[in-house]
Protein backbone atom coordinates (compact mmCIF):
# COMPACT_ATOMS: atom_id res chain seq x y z
CA MET A 1 0.00 0.00 0.00
CA GLY A 2 3.07 2.24 0.02
CA ASP A 3 2.29 3.22 -3.58
CA THR A 4 -0.91 4.92 -2.46
CA LEU A 5 0.86 7.04 0.12
CA ARG A 6 3.45 9.76 -0.08
CA ARG A 7 5.61 11.29 2.60
CA LEU A 8 5.57 14.97 3.49
CA SER A 9 8.90 16.74 3.17
CA GLY A 10 10.78 16.64 6.42
CA ARG A 11 8.11 14.57 8.17
CA GLY A 12 7.37 10.90 8.28
CA ASP A 13 3.57 11.29 8.18
CA PRO A 14 1.93 9.31 5.38
CA VAL A 15 -0.64 11.23 3.34
CA PRO A 16 -3.40 9.27 1.59
CA ALA A 17 -3.34 9.49 -2.20
CA ALA A 18 -6.86 10.95 -2.10
CA SER A 19 -5.55 14.08 -0.37
CA ARG A 20 -2.95 14.80 -3.06
CA PRO A 21 -3.78 17.84 -5.16
CA ASP A 22 -5.35 17.13 -8.53
CA GLU A 23 -3.29 17.71 -11.63
CA LEU A 24 -4.02 21.01 -13.31
CA TRP A 25 -6.43 20.87 -16.25
CA ARG A 26 -3.98 22.83 -18.40
CA SER A 27 -1.21 20.28 -17.73
CA VAL A 28 -3.38 17.32 -18.65
CA LEU A 29 -4.80 19.19 -21.64
CA GLY A 30 -1.31 20.05 -22.90
CA SER A 31 -0.10 16.46 -22.51
CA TYR A 32 -3.17 15.21 -24.34
CA LEU A 33 -2.74 17.65 -27.23
CA ARG A 34 0.95 16.80 -27.56
CA SER A 35 0.27 13.05 -27.52
CA GLU A 36 -2.42 13.45 -30.19
CA ARG A 37 -0.11 15.56 -32.36
CA THR A 38 2.80 13.14 -32.07
CA ALA A 39 0.52 10.13 -32.64
CA GLN A 40 -0.48 11.74 -35.93
CA GLY A 41 3.20 12.21 -36.78
CA ARG A 42 2.76 15.97 -37.12
CA ILE A 43 5.13 18.72 -36.09
CA LEU A 44 4.35 21.59 -33.78
CA THR A 45 4.97 24.31 -36.39
CA ASP A 46 2.45 22.70 -38.78
CA ILE A 47 -0.31 22.59 -36.15
CA ALA A 48 0.51 26.11 -34.94
CA ALA A 49 0.31 27.50 -38.48
CA ARG A 50 -3.00 25.76 -39.16
CA ALA A 51 -4.41 26.99 -35.83
CA GLY A 52 -3.17 30.56 -36.36
CA VAL A 53 -0.99 30.66 -33.23
CA SER A 54 2.76 30.96 -32.78
CA PRO A 55 4.76 27.77 -32.33
CA GLN A 56 6.05 29.17 -29.03
CA TYR A 57 2.52 29.66 -27.71
CA LEU A 58 1.44 26.17 -28.79
CA SER A 59 4.55 24.75 -27.13
CA GLU A 60 3.62 26.52 -23.89
CA ILE A 61 0.11 25.08 -24.11
CA GLU A 62 1.48 21.57 -24.65
CA ARG A 63 3.83 21.94 -21.68
CA GLY A 64 0.94 23.08 -19.45
CA ARG A 65 2.37 26.56 -18.94
CA LYS A 66 -0.46 28.43 -20.67
CA GLU A 67 -4.18 27.84 -20.50
CA PRO A 68 -5.68 28.57 -23.91
CA SER A 69 -8.90 30.47 -24.43
CA SER A 70 -11.82 28.53 -25.85
CA GLU A 71 -11.18 30.13 -29.26
CA ILE A 72 -7.52 29.07 -29.30
CA LEU A 73 -8.38 25.59 -28.04
CA SER A 74 -11.01 25.23 -30.76
CA ALA A 75 -8.48 26.29 -33.41
CA VAL A 76 -5.81 23.87 -32.14
CA THR A 77 -8.22 20.94 -31.87
CA GLY A 78 -9.52 21.71 -35.38
CA ALA A 79 -5.95 21.77 -36.71
CA LEU A 80 -5.51 18.30 -35.18
CA GLY A 81 -8.75 17.08 -36.77
CA LEU A 82 -10.41 16.74 -33.38
CA THR A 83 -13.49 18.25 -31.78
CA LEU A 84 -13.67 19.95 -28.41
CA LEU A 85 -15.73 16.96 -27.26
CA ASP A 86 -12.92 14.57 -28.31
CA VAL A 87 -10.43 16.59 -26.28
CA ALA A 88 -12.72 16.94 -23.25
CA ARG A 89 -13.27 13.16 -23.23
CA GLY A 90 -9.57 12.45 -23.61
CA VAL A 91 -8.61 14.82 -20.80
CA ALA A 92 -11.37 13.46 -18.55
CA LEU A 93 -10.14 9.89 -19.10
CA SER A 94 -6.58 10.97 -18.32
CA LEU A 95 -7.74 12.61 -15.09
CA GLU A 96 -9.74 9.52 -14.09
CA GLU A 97 -6.74 7.29 -14.73
CA ALA A 98 -4.46 9.56 -12.69
CA ALA A 99 -6.94 9.57 -9.79
CA ARG A 100 -6.97 5.76 -9.50
CA PRO A 101 -4.61 4.67 -6.75
CA VAL A 102 -2.17 1.90 -7.45
CA VAL A 103 -2.30 -0.82 -4.81
CA ALA A 104 0.44 -3.41 -4.35
CA VAL A 105 -0.76 -6.64 -2.73
CA GLY A 106 1.58 -9.57 -3.35
CA GLY A 107 2.85 -7.78 -6.44
CA ILE A 108 2.01 -4.72 -8.42
CA HIS A 109 -1.59 -4.32 -9.51
CA ARG A 110 -2.09 -1.21 -11.60
CA GLY A 111 -5.50 0.41 -11.55
CA ALA A 112 -6.78 -1.51 -8.56
CA ARG A 113 -8.82 0.38 -6.04
CA PRO A 114 -9.11 -0.45 -2.34
CA SER A 115 -12.63 -1.06 -1.11
CA ALA A 116 -14.21 1.27 1.42
CA THR A 117 -15.03 -1.48 3.94
CA THR A 118 -13.21 -1.66 7.27
CA PRO A 119 -13.73 -4.75 9.43
CA ALA A 120 -14.13 -4.64 13.20
CA ASN A 121 -10.36 -4.93 13.76
CA GLY A 122 -9.97 -1.39 12.41
CA ARG A 123 -7.64 -2.30 9.54
CA PRO A 124 -8.76 -1.46 6.03
CA GLN A 125 -9.70 -4.53 4.03
CA LEU A 126 -8.51 -4.49 0.42
CA ARG A 127 -10.66 -5.90 -2.30
CA MET A 128 -9.39 -5.76 -5.86
CA VAL A 129 -11.95 -3.89 -7.97
CA SER A 130 -11.52 -3.31 -11.69
């Protein structure tokens, strides 16, 4: 269960994964846009030109440093041949995947979630749920 906990700097107190801050939308969005662009085998300057933005600005969006307006996002997604709905779904799936804790029980089980039940002995009982 150590994978679902992190340690605070300078202290030995474990912090449940659920209390970690969520990733920023702009970071996940940028990663998603970059992965879509590279999966299509396209270069940043091509997409930037088609979207009507500078390559530097698109690079900052992809690195999660800038949060694009809805107009810019629409232009970039259109240049990639995607819709805003495609991107929203892709980002939502990425966020869901990142929120799933990884639980190690007799090995590494990615994507497993601990159950919410706690028996009378006070120790959390883990059930593997897909």
